[in-house]
């Protein structure tokens, strides 16, 4: 079975998660640091090239009332950049936007409950958010 990548796009850090081989469980994979959507898109494609990826799920930060703000528009632009790179490489990978409302808040709750030190939270929140987004996506497909 092909795997799915989960992405929590940030300004300076982007969290990446991946499914297990059965496609039922998401785990944190890595944290990409960089500057700009092009750099993040290329890094995501490098990661996709290391694994047998069928789908990339990008957290879609719509506002609580469902409207799109600046972050959602940036995420749509990132999706288009990924799709362009996928097409250029002749790959068959779907890119899906998935509602990520409250994923970062939930990541902080998990870290607080598990005793992660304050200084470590900033480095871990994006990867954990990507894992939460991906797991929510997997769970939504099973319903």
C-alpha atoms as a PDB file:
ATOM      1  CA  UNK A   1       0.000   0.000   0.000  1.00  0.00           C
ATOM      2  CA  UNK A   2       1.164   3.491  -0.763  1.00  0.00           C
ATOM      3  CA  UNK A   3       1.658   5.947   2.049  1.00  0.00           C
ATOM      4  CA  UNK A   4       0.152   9.376   2.652  1.00  0.00           C
ATOM      5  CA  UNK A   5       2.100  12.458   3.736  1.00  0.00           C
ATOM      6  CA  UNK A   6       0.583  15.046   6.048  1.00  0.00           C
ATOM      7  CA  UNK A   7       1.810  18.644   5.950  1.00  0.00           C
ATOM      8  CA  UNK A   8       1.383  21.462   8.466  1.00  0.00           C
ATOM      9  CA  UNK A   9       2.621  24.454   6.471  1.00  0.00           C
ATOM     10  CA  UNK A  10       4.264  27.240   8.451  1.00  0.00           C
ATOM     11  CA  UNK A  11       6.141  30.431   7.731  1.00  0.00           C
ATOM     12  CA  UNK A  12       9.541  29.197   8.932  1.00  0.00           C
ATOM     13  CA  UNK A  13       8.864  25.581   9.904  1.00  0.00           C
ATOM     14  CA  UNK A  14       6.717  22.958   8.200  1.00  0.00           C
ATOM     15  CA  UNK A  15       5.764  19.753   9.956  1.00  0.00           C
ATOM     16  CA  UNK A  16       5.638  16.496   8.027  1.00  0.00           C
ATOM     17  CA  UNK A  17       3.889  13.279   9.048  1.00  0.00           C
ATOM     18  CA  UNK A  18       3.477   9.954   7.252  1.00  0.00           C
ATOM     19  CA  UNK A  19       1.167   6.976   7.481  1.00  0.00           C
ATOM     20  CA  UNK A  20       2.355   3.515   8.399  1.00  0.00           C
ATOM     21  CA  UNK A  21       2.386   0.829   5.709  1.00  0.00           C
ATOM     22  CA  UNK A  22      -1.237  -0.107   6.441  1.00  0.00           C
ATOM     23  CA  UNK A  23      -2.428   3.479   6.008  1.00  0.00           C
ATOM     24  CA  UNK A  24      -4.185   3.457   9.375  1.00  0.00           C
ATOM     25  CA  UNK A  25      -1.798   5.291  11.673  1.00  0.00           C
ATOM     26  CA  UNK A  26      -0.032   8.649  11.275  1.00  0.00           C
ATOM     27  CA  UNK A  27       3.365   9.348  12.776  1.00  0.00           C
ATOM     28  CA  UNK A  28       5.540  12.425  12.838  1.00  0.00           C
ATOM     29  CA  UNK A  29       8.308  12.242  10.252  1.00  0.00           C
ATOM     30  CA  UNK A  30      10.339  15.442  10.238  1.00  0.00           C
ATOM     31  CA  UNK A  31      10.420  19.199  10.477  1.00  0.00           C
ATOM     32  CA  UNK A  32      11.376  21.228   7.419  1.00  0.00           C
ATOM     33  CA  UNK A  33      12.908  24.621   8.025  1.00  0.00           C
ATOM     34  CA  UNK A  34      13.347  27.146   5.292  1.00  0.00           C
ATOM     35  CA  UNK A  35      12.076  30.240   3.678  1.00  0.00           C
ATOM     36  CA  UNK A  36       9.333  30.433   1.107  1.00  0.00           C
ATOM     37  CA  UNK A  37       6.758  28.207  -0.506  1.00  0.00           C
ATOM     38  CA  UNK A  38       9.065  27.089  -3.309  1.00  0.00           C
ATOM     39  CA  UNK A  39      11.644  25.756  -0.843  1.00  0.00           C
ATOM     40  CA  UNK A  40       8.984  23.977   1.207  1.00  0.00           C
ATOM     41  CA  UNK A  41       7.387  22.460  -1.903  1.00  0.00           C
ATOM     42  CA  UNK A  42      10.750  21.142  -3.133  1.00  0.00           C
ATOM     43  CA  UNK A  43      11.517  19.677   0.305  1.00  0.00           C
ATOM     44  CA  UNK A  44       8.120  17.957   0.427  1.00  0.00           C
ATOM     45  CA  UNK A  45       8.744  16.486  -3.027  1.00  0.00           C
ATOM     46  CA  UNK A  46      12.163  15.232  -1.889  1.00  0.00           C
ATOM     47  CA  UNK A  47      10.483  13.481   1.042  1.00  0.00           C
ATOM     48  CA  UNK A  48       7.766  12.075  -1.244  1.00  0.00           C
ATOM     49  CA  UNK A  49      10.523  10.682  -3.454  1.00  0.00           C
ATOM     50  CA  UNK A  50      11.945   8.675  -0.530  1.00  0.00           C
ATOM     51  CA  UNK A  51       8.634   6.955   0.186  1.00  0.00           C
ATOM     52  CA  UNK A  52       5.926   5.400  -1.967  1.00  0.00           C
ATOM     53  CA  UNK A  53       3.454   8.295  -1.638  1.00  0.00           C
ATOM     54  CA  UNK A  54      -0.013   8.272  -3.198  1.00  0.00           C
ATOM     55  CA  UNK A  55      -1.386  11.387  -1.556  1.00  0.00           C
ATOM     56  CA  UNK A  56      -0.234  14.556   0.185  1.00  0.00           C
ATOM     57  CA  UNK A  57      -2.659  16.038   2.716  1.00  0.00           C
ATOM     58  CA  UNK A  58      -2.022  19.699   3.481  1.00  0.00           C
ATOM     59  CA  UNK A  59      -3.609  21.272   6.527  1.00  0.00           C
ATOM     60  CA  UNK A  60      -6.048  23.937   5.365  1.00  0.00           C
ATOM     61  CA  UNK A  61      -6.243  26.780   7.901  1.00  0.00           C
ATOM     62  CA  UNK A  62      -9.720  28.139   7.312  1.00  0.00           C
ATOM     63  CA  UNK A  63     -11.104  30.521   9.915  1.00  0.00           C
ATOM     64  CA  UNK A  64     -13.417  29.220  12.632  1.00  0.00           C
ATOM     65  CA  UNK A  65     -16.405  30.623  10.714  1.00  0.00           C
ATOM     66  CA  UNK A  66     -15.303  28.775   7.535  1.00  0.00           C
ATOM     67  CA  UNK A  67     -14.014  31.829   5.692  1.00  0.00           C
ATOM     68  CA  UNK A  68     -10.590  31.985   4.067  1.00  0.00           C
ATOM     69  CA  UNK A  69      -7.918  34.272   5.414  1.00  0.00           C
ATOM     70  CA  UNK A  70      -4.359  34.991   4.322  1.00  0.00           C
ATOM     71  CA  UNK A  71      -3.056  31.642   5.619  1.00  0.00           C
ATOM     72  CA  UNK A  72      -5.675  29.665   3.675  1.00  0.00           C
ATOM     73  CA  UNK A  73      -4.821  31.553   0.473  1.00  0.00           C
ATOM     74  CA  UNK A  74      -1.118  30.859   1.063  1.00  0.00           C
ATOM     75  CA  UNK A  75      -1.914  27.169   1.524  1.00  0.00           C
ATOM     76  CA  UNK A  76      -3.852  27.105  -1.753  1.00  0.00           C
ATOM     77  CA  UNK A  77      -0.810  28.623  -3.479  1.00  0.00           C
ATOM     78  CA  UNK A  78       1.414  25.960  -1.876  1.00  0.00           C
ATOM     79  CA  UNK A  79      -0.940  23.239  -3.159  1.00  0.00           C
ATOM     80  CA  UNK A  80      -0.643  24.615  -6.702  1.00  0.00           C
ATOM     81  CA  UNK A  81       3.171  24.634  -6.421  1.00  0.00           C
ATOM     82  CA  UNK A  82       3.164  21.000  -5.264  1.00  0.00           C
ATOM     83  CA  UNK A  83       0.837  19.981  -8.087  1.00  0.00           C
ATOM     84  CA  UNK A  84       3.097  21.690 -10.622  1.00  0.00           C
ATOM     85  CA  UNK A  85       6.168  19.834  -9.316  1.00  0.00           C
ATOM     86  CA  UNK A  86       4.270  16.540  -9.333  1.00  0.00           C
ATOM     87  CA  UNK A  87       3.188  17.086 -12.924  1.00  0.00           C
ATOM     88  CA  UNK A  88       6.718  18.064 -14.006  1.00  0.00           C
ATOM     89  CA  UNK A  89       8.052  14.821 -12.515  1.00  0.00           C
ATOM     90  CA  UNK A  90       5.295  12.761 -14.153  1.00  0.00           C
ATOM     91  CA  UNK A  91       4.110  11.391 -10.810  1.00  0.00           C
ATOM     92  CA  UNK A  92       0.640  10.277  -9.736  1.00  0.00           C
ATOM     93  CA  UNK A  93       0.213  11.953  -6.343  1.00  0.00           C
ATOM     94  CA  UNK A  94      -3.022  13.634  -5.281  1.00  0.00           C
ATOM     95  CA  UNK A  95      -2.780  16.799  -3.186  1.00  0.00           C
ATOM     96  CA  UNK A  96      -5.680  17.326  -0.798  1.00  0.00           C
ATOM     97  CA  UNK A  97      -6.498  20.294   1.421  1.00  0.00           C
ATOM     98  CA  UNK A  98      -7.934  19.170   4.756  1.00  0.00           C
ATOM     99  CA  UNK A  99      -9.454  21.402   7.443  1.00  0.00           C
ATOM    100  CA  UNK A 100      -6.911  21.824  10.205  1.00  0.00           C
ATOM    101  CA  UNK A 101      -8.899  23.995  12.603  1.00  0.00           C
ATOM    102  CA  UNK A 102      -7.643  23.590  16.171  1.00  0.00           C
ATOM    103  CA  UNK A 103      -4.882  21.096  15.260  1.00  0.00           C
ATOM    104  CA  UNK A 104      -2.156  23.322  16.712  1.00  0.00           C
ATOM    105  CA  UNK A 105      -4.161  23.944  19.885  1.00  0.00           C
ATOM    106  CA  UNK A 106      -4.679  20.191  20.237  1.00  0.00           C
ATOM    107  CA  UNK A 107      -0.948  19.594  19.696  1.00  0.00           C
ATOM    108  CA  UNK A 108      -0.195  21.933  22.616  1.00  0.00           C
ATOM    109  CA  UNK A 109      -2.740  20.100  24.786  1.00  0.00           C
ATOM    110  CA  UNK A 110      -1.064  16.761  23.986  1.00  0.00           C
ATOM    111  CA  UNK A 111       2.386  18.179  24.745  1.00  0.00           C
ATOM    112  CA  UNK A 112       1.208  19.712  28.023  1.00  0.00           C
ATOM    113  CA  UNK A 113      -0.393  16.442  29.090  1.00  0.00           C
ATOM    114  CA  UNK A 114       2.717  14.442  28.214  1.00  0.00           C
ATOM    115  CA  UNK A 115       5.075  16.808  30.053  1.00  0.00           C
ATOM    116  CA  UNK A 116       7.011  18.221  27.092  1.00  0.00           C
ATOM    117  CA  UNK A 117       9.236  21.055  28.320  1.00  0.00           C
ATOM    118  CA  UNK A 118       8.315  24.579  27.193  1.00  0.00           C
ATOM    119  CA  UNK A 119      11.588  25.066  25.320  1.00  0.00           C
ATOM    120  CA  UNK A 120      10.937  21.899  23.263  1.00  0.00           C
ATOM    121  CA  UNK A 121       7.332  22.712  22.337  1.00  0.00           C
ATOM    122  CA  UNK A 122       8.161  25.165  19.553  1.00  0.00           C
ATOM    123  CA  UNK A 123      10.291  22.547  17.789  1.00  0.00           C
ATOM    124  CA  UNK A 124       7.694  19.794  18.130  1.00  0.00           C
ATOM    125  CA  UNK A 125       4.358  21.551  17.584  1.00  0.00           C
ATOM    126  CA  UNK A 126       4.457  21.660  13.772  1.00  0.00           C
ATOM    127  CA  UNK A 127       5.325  17.984  13.337  1.00  0.00           C
ATOM    128  CA  UNK A 128       2.700  16.961  15.907  1.00  0.00           C
ATOM    129  CA  UNK A 129       0.133  19.197  14.172  1.00  0.00           C
ATOM    130  CA  UNK A 130       0.942  17.470  10.854  1.00  0.00           C
ATOM    131  CA  UNK A 131       0.412  14.123  12.564  1.00  0.00           C
ATOM    132  CA  UNK A 132      -2.955  15.246  13.979  1.00  0.00           C
ATOM    133  CA  UNK A 133      -4.079  16.577  10.569  1.00  0.00           C
ATOM    134  CA  UNK A 134      -3.072  13.339   8.846  1.00  0.00           C
ATOM    135  CA  UNK A 135      -4.697  11.105  11.470  1.00  0.00           C
ATOM    136  CA  UNK A 136      -7.925  13.122  11.282  1.00  0.00           C
ATOM    137  CA  UNK A 137      -7.859  12.755   7.492  1.00  0.00           C
ATOM    138  CA  UNK A 138      -7.316   8.981   7.709  1.00  0.00           C
ATOM    139  CA  UNK A 139     -10.120   8.676  10.248  1.00  0.00           C
ATOM    140  CA  UNK A 140     -12.494  10.727   8.059  1.00  0.00           C
ATOM    141  CA  UNK A 141     -11.926   8.319   5.156  1.00  0.00           C
ATOM    142  CA  UNK A 142     -12.982   5.326   7.293  1.00  0.00           C
ATOM    143  CA  UNK A 143     -16.351   6.758   8.232  1.00  0.00           C
END
